[in-house]
Protein backbone atom coordinates (compact mmCIF):
# COMPACT_ATOMS: atom_id res chain seq x y z
CA MET A 1 14.85 7.72 -12.24
CA GLY A 2 16.84 6.15 -9.60
CA ARG A 3 18.45 2.47 -10.09
CA LYS A 4 19.54 0.81 -12.82
CA LEU A 5 17.93 -2.59 -12.13
CA VAL A 6 18.68 -5.98 -14.42
CA ILE A 7 15.57 -8.07 -14.01
CA ALA A 8 16.27 -11.71 -14.88
CA PHE A 9 13.49 -14.54 -14.37
CA LEU A 10 12.60 -17.69 -15.33
CA VAL A 11 9.72 -18.65 -17.67
CA ALA A 12 9.66 -22.82 -18.26
CA SER A 13 13.25 -23.21 -18.47
CA CYS A 14 14.10 -19.94 -20.54
CA VAL A 15 15.83 -17.03 -18.64
CA LEU A 16 14.41 -13.86 -19.73
CA THR A 17 16.79 -10.43 -19.10
CA LEU A 18 16.39 -7.14 -19.70
CA GLY A 19 17.72 -3.69 -18.28
CA ILE A 20 15.64 -0.97 -17.08
CA GLY A 21 15.81 1.88 -15.05
CA ALA A 22 13.36 2.11 -12.30
CA HIS A 23 11.62 5.03 -12.06
CA THR A 24 9.34 6.97 -9.20
CA ALA A 25 5.96 6.33 -10.03
CA GLY A 26 4.41 8.91 -8.02
CA ALA A 27 6.50 11.58 -9.78
CA ALA A 28 7.49 10.96 -12.75
CA SER A 29 7.27 13.11 -15.89
CA SER A 30 5.17 11.33 -18.40
CA SER A 31 8.76 11.63 -21.14
CA ALA A 32 10.52 9.82 -18.10
CA THR A 33 8.01 6.88 -18.00
CA ALA A 34 7.48 7.17 -21.68
CA SER A 35 11.39 6.32 -21.86
CA ARG A 36 10.16 3.26 -19.42
CA VAL A 37 7.95 2.11 -21.89
CA ALA A 38 10.26 1.81 -24.59
CA ALA A 39 12.63 0.44 -22.70
CA LEU A 40 10.78 -2.48 -21.17
CA THR A 41 8.94 -3.26 -24.90
CA HIS A 42 12.57 -3.10 -26.67
CA GLU A 43 14.48 -5.34 -24.00
CA VAL A 44 12.23 -7.93 -23.00
CA PRO A 45 13.05 -10.98 -25.20
CA ARG A 46 9.95 -12.89 -27.30
CA GLY A 47 9.87 -16.01 -29.51
CA ASP A 48 10.04 -19.49 -27.86
CA ALA A 49 11.14 -17.96 -24.64
CA TRP A 50 7.52 -17.53 -23.89
CA VAL A 51 5.42 -19.83 -23.06
CA ALA A 52 1.76 -20.10 -22.30
CA GLY A 53 0.41 -19.39 -18.96
CA PRO A 54 -2.25 -20.51 -16.91
CA SER A 55 -5.36 -18.14 -17.65
CA ALA A 56 -6.89 -16.20 -14.40
CA ALA A 57 -8.32 -18.17 -11.82
CA GLY A 58 -8.17 -21.30 -13.93
CA GLY A 59 -10.63 -19.65 -16.20
CA ALA A 60 -13.57 -19.02 -13.16
CA THR A 61 -14.87 -15.69 -12.97
CA LEU A 62 -12.90 -13.33 -11.36
CA ALA A 63 -14.35 -10.90 -8.62
CA ALA A 64 -12.76 -7.71 -9.43
CA THR A 65 -13.76 -4.88 -11.70
CA PRO A 66 -11.85 -1.75 -11.97
CA SER A 67 -12.36 0.39 -9.41
CA ILE A 68 -9.72 3.48 -10.06
CA ASN A 69 -10.33 4.95 -13.67
CA VAL A 70 -8.21 7.61 -15.10
CA ASP A 71 -9.44 9.39 -18.12
CA ASP A 72 -6.31 10.78 -20.33
CA ALA A 73 -6.14 13.93 -22.80
CA ALA A 74 -5.92 13.13 -26.59
CA GLY A 75 -2.93 14.19 -28.51
CA ASP A 76 -0.83 13.96 -26.14
CA THR A 77 1.60 11.21 -27.23
CA GLN A 78 5.26 11.17 -27.21
CA ASN A 79 8.00 11.67 -30.47
CA THR A 80 5.06 12.15 -32.94
CA SER A 81 1.20 12.11 -32.65
CA ASP A 82 -0.69 8.39 -33.27
CA SER A 83 -3.94 7.85 -32.27
CA ARG A 84 -3.12 3.96 -31.78
CA ALA A 85 -0.48 4.78 -29.17
CA ASP A 86 -2.69 7.82 -27.55
CA ILE A 87 -4.54 6.38 -24.16
CA ARG A 88 -7.72 8.00 -23.26
CA GLN A 89 -8.92 5.66 -20.22
CA ALA A 90 -6.84 3.43 -17.98
CA GLN A 91 -8.27 0.87 -15.25
CA ALA A 92 -7.54 -1.08 -13.09
CA GLY A 93 -9.08 -3.00 -9.83
CA VAL A 94 -8.04 -5.79 -7.54
CA ASP A 95 -9.67 -8.24 -4.42
CA GLY A 96 -9.08 -11.69 -2.84
CA SER A 97 -10.14 -13.72 -6.12
CA GLY A 98 -7.40 -11.49 -8.40
CA SER A 99 -6.78 -8.66 -10.40
CA VAL A 100 -7.70 -6.81 -13.67
CA PHE A 101 -6.80 -4.05 -16.17
CA ARG A 102 -8.17 -2.59 -18.90
CA MET A 103 -6.96 0.32 -21.31
CA ARG A 104 -8.58 2.39 -24.28
CA MET A 105 -6.89 4.08 -27.00
CA GLU A 106 -8.18 6.91 -29.22
CA THR A 107 -7.81 4.74 -32.15
CA PRO A 108 -7.94 0.87 -30.80
CA THR A 109 -6.14 -2.01 -32.32
CA ASN A 110 -6.36 -5.89 -31.73
CA PRO A 111 -3.14 -6.71 -30.02
CA ASN A 112 -3.22 -9.78 -32.15
CA SER A 113 -1.89 -6.78 -34.97
CA TRP A 114 0.85 -5.74 -32.78
CA GLY A 115 4.43 -6.68 -33.25
CA THR A 116 6.75 -8.28 -31.10
CA ASP A 117 9.40 -5.43 -30.49
CA HIS A 118 8.27 -1.54 -29.53
CA PHE A 119 4.52 -2.85 -28.87
CA ALA A 120 2.72 -2.83 -25.32
CA ALA A 121 -0.06 -1.99 -23.30
CA LEU A 122 1.59 -1.61 -19.72
CA TRP A 123 0.81 -0.90 -16.19
CA PHE A 124 3.80 0.22 -13.51
CA ILE A 125 2.59 -0.73 -10.05
CA ASP A 126 3.37 0.50 -6.83
CA ASN A 127 1.96 -1.68 -3.79
CA ASN A 128 3.40 0.08 -1.14
CA PHE A 129 3.26 3.40 -1.87
CA ASP A 130 6.70 4.90 -1.70
CA GLY A 131 6.58 6.14 -5.08
CA PHE A 132 8.79 2.92 -6.74
CA ILE A 133 7.84 0.24 -8.94
CA ASP A 134 7.44 -3.18 -7.43
CA TRP A 135 5.30 -5.06 -10.42
CA GLU A 136 4.54 -4.46 -13.97
CA ALA A 137 1.91 -6.06 -15.54
CA GLY A 138 1.16 -5.98 -19.34
CA VAL A 139 -0.57 -7.29 -22.83
CA LEU A 140 2.27 -7.93 -25.21
CA ASN A 141 2.18 -10.05 -28.24
CA THR A 142 4.79 -12.54 -29.08
CA SER A 143 5.83 -15.22 -31.34
CA GLN A 144 3.44 -17.94 -28.98
CA GLY A 145 0.35 -15.03 -29.34
CA VAL A 146 -0.56 -12.54 -27.25
CA ARG A 147 0.56 -12.59 -23.33
CA ALA A 148 -0.84 -11.40 -20.21
CA VAL A 149 2.04 -11.18 -17.88
CA ILE A 150 2.87 -10.01 -14.10
CA VAL A 151 6.32 -9.27 -13.13
CA SER A 152 8.12 -8.36 -10.41
CA GLU A 153 10.38 -5.32 -10.37
CA ASP A 154 13.40 -7.59 -9.06
CA GLY A 155 12.63 -10.34 -11.51
CA SER A 156 12.54 -13.29 -8.76
CA GLN A 157 8.08 -14.07 -9.41
CA ILE A 158 6.17 -13.56 -12.32
CA CYS A 159 2.73 -14.48 -13.13
CA PHE A 160 0.85 -14.72 -16.34
CA GLY A 161 -3.11 -14.06 -16.53
CA SER A 162 -5.16 -13.83 -19.36
CA PRO A 163 -5.16 -11.46 -22.33
CA GLY A 164 -8.10 -9.66 -23.96
CA TYR A 165 -9.57 -7.71 -26.60
CA ASP A 166 -13.65 -6.64 -27.24
CA GLY A 167 -12.70 -4.11 -30.11
CA THR A 168 -12.40 -1.16 -28.05
CA TRP A 169 -10.45 -2.68 -24.54
CA VAL A 170 -7.30 -4.11 -24.60
CA THR A 171 -7.60 -5.93 -20.81
CA ALA A 172 -5.08 -8.12 -19.11
CA THR A 173 -7.23 -10.60 -15.80
CA PHE A 174 -5.34 -12.26 -13.19
CA GLY A 175 -6.16 -15.10 -10.99
CA ALA A 176 -4.32 -14.16 -6.92
CA CYS A 177 -1.14 -15.07 -8.35
CA GLY A 178 0.02 -15.68 -4.57
CA GLY A 179 -1.50 -12.97 -3.35
CA ILE A 180 0.88 -10.55 -4.52
CA LEU A 181 -0.92 -7.51 -5.01
CA HIS A 182 -3.66 -6.35 -2.38
CA ALA A 183 -3.82 -2.23 -3.02
CA PHE A 184 -1.82 -0.26 -5.12
CA GLN A 185 -1.32 2.58 -7.03
CA TRP A 186 -0.25 2.94 -10.76
CA GLN A 187 0.89 4.40 -14.01
CA ALA A 188 -0.45 3.26 -17.42
CA GLY A 189 1.82 3.24 -20.27
CA MET A 190 1.57 2.34 -24.04
CA ASP A 191 4.08 1.40 -27.09
CA PHE A 192 2.95 1.48 -30.07
CA ASN A 193 6.01 1.02 -32.63
CA GLY A 194 7.88 3.12 -30.33
CA ILE A 195 5.26 6.02 -29.67
CA THR A 196 4.46 6.37 -26.29
CA ASP A 197 1.91 7.79 -23.93
CA VAL A 198 0.97 7.73 -20.22
CA ALA A 199 -1.53 8.01 -17.70
CA PRO A 200 -2.03 9.71 -15.68
CA ASP A 201 0.65 12.32 -16.95
CA SER A 202 2.74 12.90 -13.83
CA THR A 203 1.25 11.02 -10.81
CA GLY A 204 -0.04 7.62 -10.03
CA SER A 205 -3.56 6.86 -10.07
CA ALA A 206 -5.78 6.91 -6.35
CA PRO A 207 -5.33 3.72 -4.37
CA THR A 208 -6.58 0.71 -6.16
CA ALA A 209 -8.97 -1.15 -4.52
CA ALA A 210 -11.26 1.04 -4.26
CA HIS A 211 -12.42 -0.29 -0.76
CA ARG A 212 -9.90 -1.89 1.48
CA ASN A 213 -9.51 -2.99 5.24
CA GLY A 214 -6.76 -4.89 7.34
CA TYR A 215 -4.40 -3.50 10.16
CA PHE A 216 -1.27 -3.43 10.72
CA MET A 217 1.14 -4.27 13.88
CA LEU A 218 4.65 -2.76 14.78
CA GLY A 219 7.56 -4.20 15.81
CA SER A 220 9.43 -2.44 18.48
CA ASP A 221 12.65 -2.39 15.54
CA GLY A 222 10.32 -0.02 13.09
CA LYS A 223 9.64 -3.22 10.93
CA ASN A 224 5.53 -3.21 10.14
CA TYR A 225 4.07 -6.16 9.41
CA GLY A 226 0.42 -6.20 7.20
CA PHE A 227 -2.87 -8.02 7.14
CA GLY A 228 -6.14 -8.26 5.16
CA GLY A 229 -5.46 -5.54 2.55
CA GLY A 230 -2.37 -4.04 4.55
CA PRO A 231 0.90 -3.56 2.69
CA ASN A 232 4.13 -4.17 3.84
CA PHE A 233 6.18 -0.90 3.73
CA GLY A 234 9.65 -1.68 4.43
CA GLY A 235 12.48 -0.01 6.67
CA THR A 236 13.32 -0.32 10.31
CA VAL A 237 13.21 2.84 13.21
CA ALA A 238 15.69 2.29 16.10
CA HIS A 239 13.90 2.87 19.51
CA ALA A 240 10.50 2.62 17.96
CA ALA A 241 7.76 3.60 20.16
CA ALA A 242 4.01 4.08 18.16
CA PHE A 243 2.53 4.33 15.10
CA ALA A 244 -0.60 5.14 13.13
CA THR A 245 -1.77 4.95 9.68
CA ARG A 246 -3.71 7.00 7.20
CA HIS A 247 -7.59 5.58 7.45
CA ASP A 248 -7.43 4.06 3.80
CA GLY A 249 -4.08 1.88 4.75
CA THR A 250 -1.60 3.37 2.40
CA GLY A 251 0.74 5.52 4.72
CA LEU A 252 2.11 5.35 8.41
CA TRP A 253 3.49 7.56 11.18
CA ILE A 254 5.82 5.56 13.08
CA VAL A 255 7.19 8.05 15.91
CA ASP A 256 10.19 7.07 17.89
CA SER A 257 10.46 7.40 21.99
CA THR A 258 11.72 10.98 21.99
CA GLY A 259 9.29 12.24 19.85
CA HIS A 260 11.16 12.27 15.98
CA VAL A 261 8.77 11.18 13.24
CA PHE A 262 9.42 8.59 10.31
CA THR A 263 6.72 8.51 7.75
CA ARG A 264 6.16 5.79 5.27
CA GLY A 265 3.84 5.93 2.01
CA ARG A 266 1.57 8.34 1.83
CA ALA A 267 1.70 9.87 5.19
CA PRO A 268 2.87 13.23 5.57
CA TYR A 269 5.48 14.85 8.08
CA LYS A 270 3.54 17.85 10.82
CA GLY A 271 6.80 18.22 12.90
CA GLY A 272 7.86 15.93 15.88
CA ALA A 273 10.77 16.06 18.55
CA PRO A 274 8.97 17.71 21.17
CA HIS A 275 10.40 19.08 24.27
CA LEU A 276 9.59 16.47 27.03
CA GLY A 277 10.70 16.13 30.61
CA ALA A 278 13.24 13.97 32.71
CA GLY A 279 12.06 10.14 32.25
CA GLU A 280 9.62 11.06 29.49
CA ILE A 281 8.96 9.34 26.60
CA VAL A 282 6.52 8.79 23.46
CA THR A 283 4.24 6.12 24.03
CA ALA A 284 1.86 6.51 21.43
CA ILE A 285 0.83 8.57 18.29
CA ALA A 286 -2.50 9.07 16.78
CA ASN A 287 -3.56 10.96 13.28
CA THR A 288 -6.50 13.10 12.39
CA PRO A 289 -9.12 12.22 9.87
CA ASN A 290 -7.70 14.09 6.76
CA HIS A 291 -4.15 12.88 7.73
CA ALA A 292 -3.09 16.45 7.98
CA GLY A 293 -1.99 16.68 11.59
CA TYR A 294 -1.35 14.24 14.84
CA ILE A 295 -0.98 14.39 18.81
CA MET A 296 1.70 12.34 20.05
CA PHE A 297 0.93 10.96 23.86
CA THR A 298 3.62 10.36 26.84
CA ASN A 299 4.23 8.22 29.26
CA ARG A 300 2.60 10.82 31.99
CA GLY A 301 0.07 11.44 29.97
CA ARG A 302 0.48 14.30 28.61
CA ALA A 303 -0.26 15.33 24.63
CA PHE A 304 1.51 17.09 21.85
CA ALA A 305 -0.86 18.43 18.50
CA PHE A 306 0.89 19.08 15.33
CA GLY A 307 -0.49 19.66 12.20
CA ASN A 308 -3.85 20.31 12.52
CA ALA A 309 -4.36 18.51 15.39
CA HIS A 310 -6.19 19.94 18.59
CA THR A 311 -5.56 18.73 22.21
CA HIS A 312 -8.78 18.13 24.20
CA GLY A 313 -6.75 17.81 27.79
CA ASP A 314 -4.75 15.53 28.95
CA MET A 315 -3.21 13.13 32.36
CA SER A 316 -0.56 16.37 33.07
CA GLY A 317 -0.82 16.77 36.98
CA HIS A 318 -2.75 13.65 37.90
CA ASN A 319 -1.00 11.10 39.74
CA LEU A 320 -0.92 7.92 37.32
CA ASN A 321 -1.53 3.80 38.46
CA GLY A 322 0.91 2.84 35.88
CA PRO A 323 2.43 4.85 32.75
CA VAL A 324 0.69 5.71 29.52
CA ILE A 325 1.74 2.97 27.25
CA ALA A 326 -1.10 3.86 24.37
CA ALA A 327 -4.08 6.10 23.02
CA VAL A 328 -6.36 6.33 20.13
CA MET A 329 -8.28 9.20 18.29
CA THR A 330 -12.24 8.71 17.74
CA PRO A 331 -13.05 8.59 14.15
CA THR A 332 -14.23 12.46 14.12
CA GLY A 333 -11.10 13.39 15.57
CA ASN A 334 -12.89 15.19 18.29
CA GLY A 335 -11.32 13.05 21.02
CA TYR A 336 -9.06 10.25 22.34
CA TYR A 337 -8.64 7.36 24.58
CA MET A 338 -5.39 6.98 26.36
CA VAL A 339 -4.52 3.68 28.37
CA GLY A 340 -2.09 2.47 31.06
CA SER A 341 0.05 -0.13 31.65
CA ASP A 342 -2.51 -1.32 34.17
CA GLY A 343 -5.14 -1.70 31.88
CA GLY A 344 -6.69 1.94 33.16
CA VAL A 345 -8.53 3.76 30.20
CA PHE A 346 -8.80 7.77 29.68
CA SER A 347 -11.38 9.59 27.84
CA PHE A 348 -10.90 12.94 26.18
CA GLY A 349 -13.24 15.26 24.45
CA SER A 350 -15.93 12.87 22.57
CA ALA A 351 -14.42 9.32 23.00
CA THR A 352 -16.70 7.33 25.17
CA PHE A 353 -15.61 4.77 27.84
CA ARG A 354 -15.97 0.78 26.26
CA GLY A 355 -14.22 -0.83 29.21
CA SER A 356 -10.87 -2.84 29.55
CA MET A 357 -8.45 -5.70 29.72
CA GLY A 358 -8.31 -5.18 33.04
CA GLY A 359 -8.45 -8.51 35.15
CA ARG A 360 -7.98 -10.81 32.24
CA HIS A 361 -5.41 -13.16 32.02
CA LEU A 362 -2.90 -12.74 29.38
CA ASN A 363 -0.25 -14.81 27.68
CA ALA A 364 1.97 -11.20 27.64
CA PRO A 365 0.96 -7.86 28.24
CA ILE A 366 -1.14 -5.38 26.24
CA ASN A 367 0.79 -2.88 24.46
CA GLY A 368 -2.19 -1.27 22.09
CA LEU A 369 -5.45 -0.38 21.62
CA ILE A 370 -7.32 1.26 18.51
CA ALA A 371 -11.04 1.68 17.68
CA TYR A 372 -12.29 -0.97 15.41
CA GLY A 373 -16.06 -0.78 14.27
CA ASN A 374 -18.42 -0.35 17.05
CA GLY A 375 -15.47 -0.99 20.09
CA TYR A 376 -12.27 -2.01 20.33
CA LEU A 377 -9.16 -4.27 19.01
CA MET A 378 -6.19 -4.64 21.33
CA VAL A 379 -2.73 -6.46 20.30
CA ALA A 380 0.02 -8.26 22.92
CA SER A 381 3.41 -7.98 22.66
CA ASP A 382 3.36 -11.44 21.46
CA GLY A 383 1.48 -10.58 18.76
CA GLY A 384 -1.81 -11.63 19.95
CA VAL A 385 -5.17 -9.73 18.94
CA PHE A 386 -8.43 -9.30 20.80
CA VAL A 387 -10.98 -7.80 19.29
CA PHE A 388 -14.10 -6.51 20.76
CA SER A 389 -16.35 -5.28 18.14
CA ASN A 390 -18.69 -5.76 15.39
CA ARG A 391 -15.60 -6.00 12.88
CA PRO A 392 -13.99 -9.53 11.74
CA PHE A 393 -10.78 -11.40 13.51
CA LEU A 394 -8.30 -11.40 10.37
CA GLY A 395 -5.64 -12.78 12.18
CA SER A 396 -2.79 -12.54 14.37
CA LEU A 397 0.70 -13.37 15.12
CA GLY A 398 0.38 -15.26 18.37
CA GLY A 399 2.19 -18.48 18.75
CA LYS A 400 4.45 -17.16 16.03
CA HIS A 401 8.06 -16.47 15.65
CA ILE A 402 8.64 -12.52 15.43
CA SER A 403 11.71 -10.17 14.91
CA ALA A 404 11.29 -8.32 18.48
CA PRO A 405 7.80 -7.97 20.09
CA ILE A 406 5.01 -6.19 19.26
CA ILE A 407 4.42 -2.57 20.07
CA GLY A 408 1.09 -1.26 18.88
CA ILE A 409 -1.60 -2.06 16.28
CA VAL A 410 -3.49 0.05 13.56
CA ALA A 411 -6.59 -0.66 11.23
CA PHE A 412 -8.21 0.48 8.29
CA ALA A 413 -10.87 0.27 6.18
CA VAL A 414 -12.37 2.17 3.07
């Protein structure tokens, strides 16, 4: 559904072209996805254009194991009934070494016995949780033998891996592939001679990998930057003021200075645009642990709750030495911190004071503070990151060219 793409990618000196209709991975019907499976396996040219790719990680043992499993009902193939196309289980996993995809049919068949047209085991990959396909992994038979391949939706990148079959499971194993996959949701599809099945039937899988960690930065133009296992969500927001992340790293809430909220990935919208006084602007947002609400904070230290969030007091009626520029909620959601531009920290509810950056030399002012492990993580407007925690430093933008000043940072770990 949506857009029609013509994907062209270069393999050795041969150009392969296929035309397919992209669909929404998180909301596609099984019949729509089945049509996509059939279209892909029919349109991909086979034969001499295919060349053998490098084996995953040069033959090294892959640390990734399938972390997400999807069970599928028997007898739900499209077009007609055929147990050889009937997916019963599909799996996927990813780590720093690479990725692995597995699929089991009601009646297993060896990919070496498949034809070279309308035969494929496929995984449609959404790696920024926006409901659209970004990559496709697959096991296909060709005149050069069985191949495992990952190709980007726009056709600009392709990565070969190692196919496998143990009598039950069809497997595709890949090395790091340039780090293209960190965390993603997926939907599997099987095409056996034009008879198709998908799993899950109507929604994307749970996020892969099961355990992720990393953090995001946000530019004042609303562009986000992911580190560690954090995906890069697209889009910009004019006058972006602050943002918050789901704790599993699969979605963001971005708020502008007037309190309008823009969501990314799997972050739900719960309202916005509170009534502000003259000269008052929103400077921070923090979400609840179950992602069903959030609190906005203003430069005057006022707090506004949306969804299932609750306030625990604010700085209304107090004189501030500097405007509140950032805030963070405690992991339990029962308290929060506000940080002033002068480095002053104000704690509410269950939040415990842990110190500040006041009095220390900085190349650029602090623009964000987050809870991180047993302490804090702060970011400066030049992208410098300062960790005061038992959690690791994962990188920064300090000393690098950025399109706009950094105005916030968030972290996640699951």
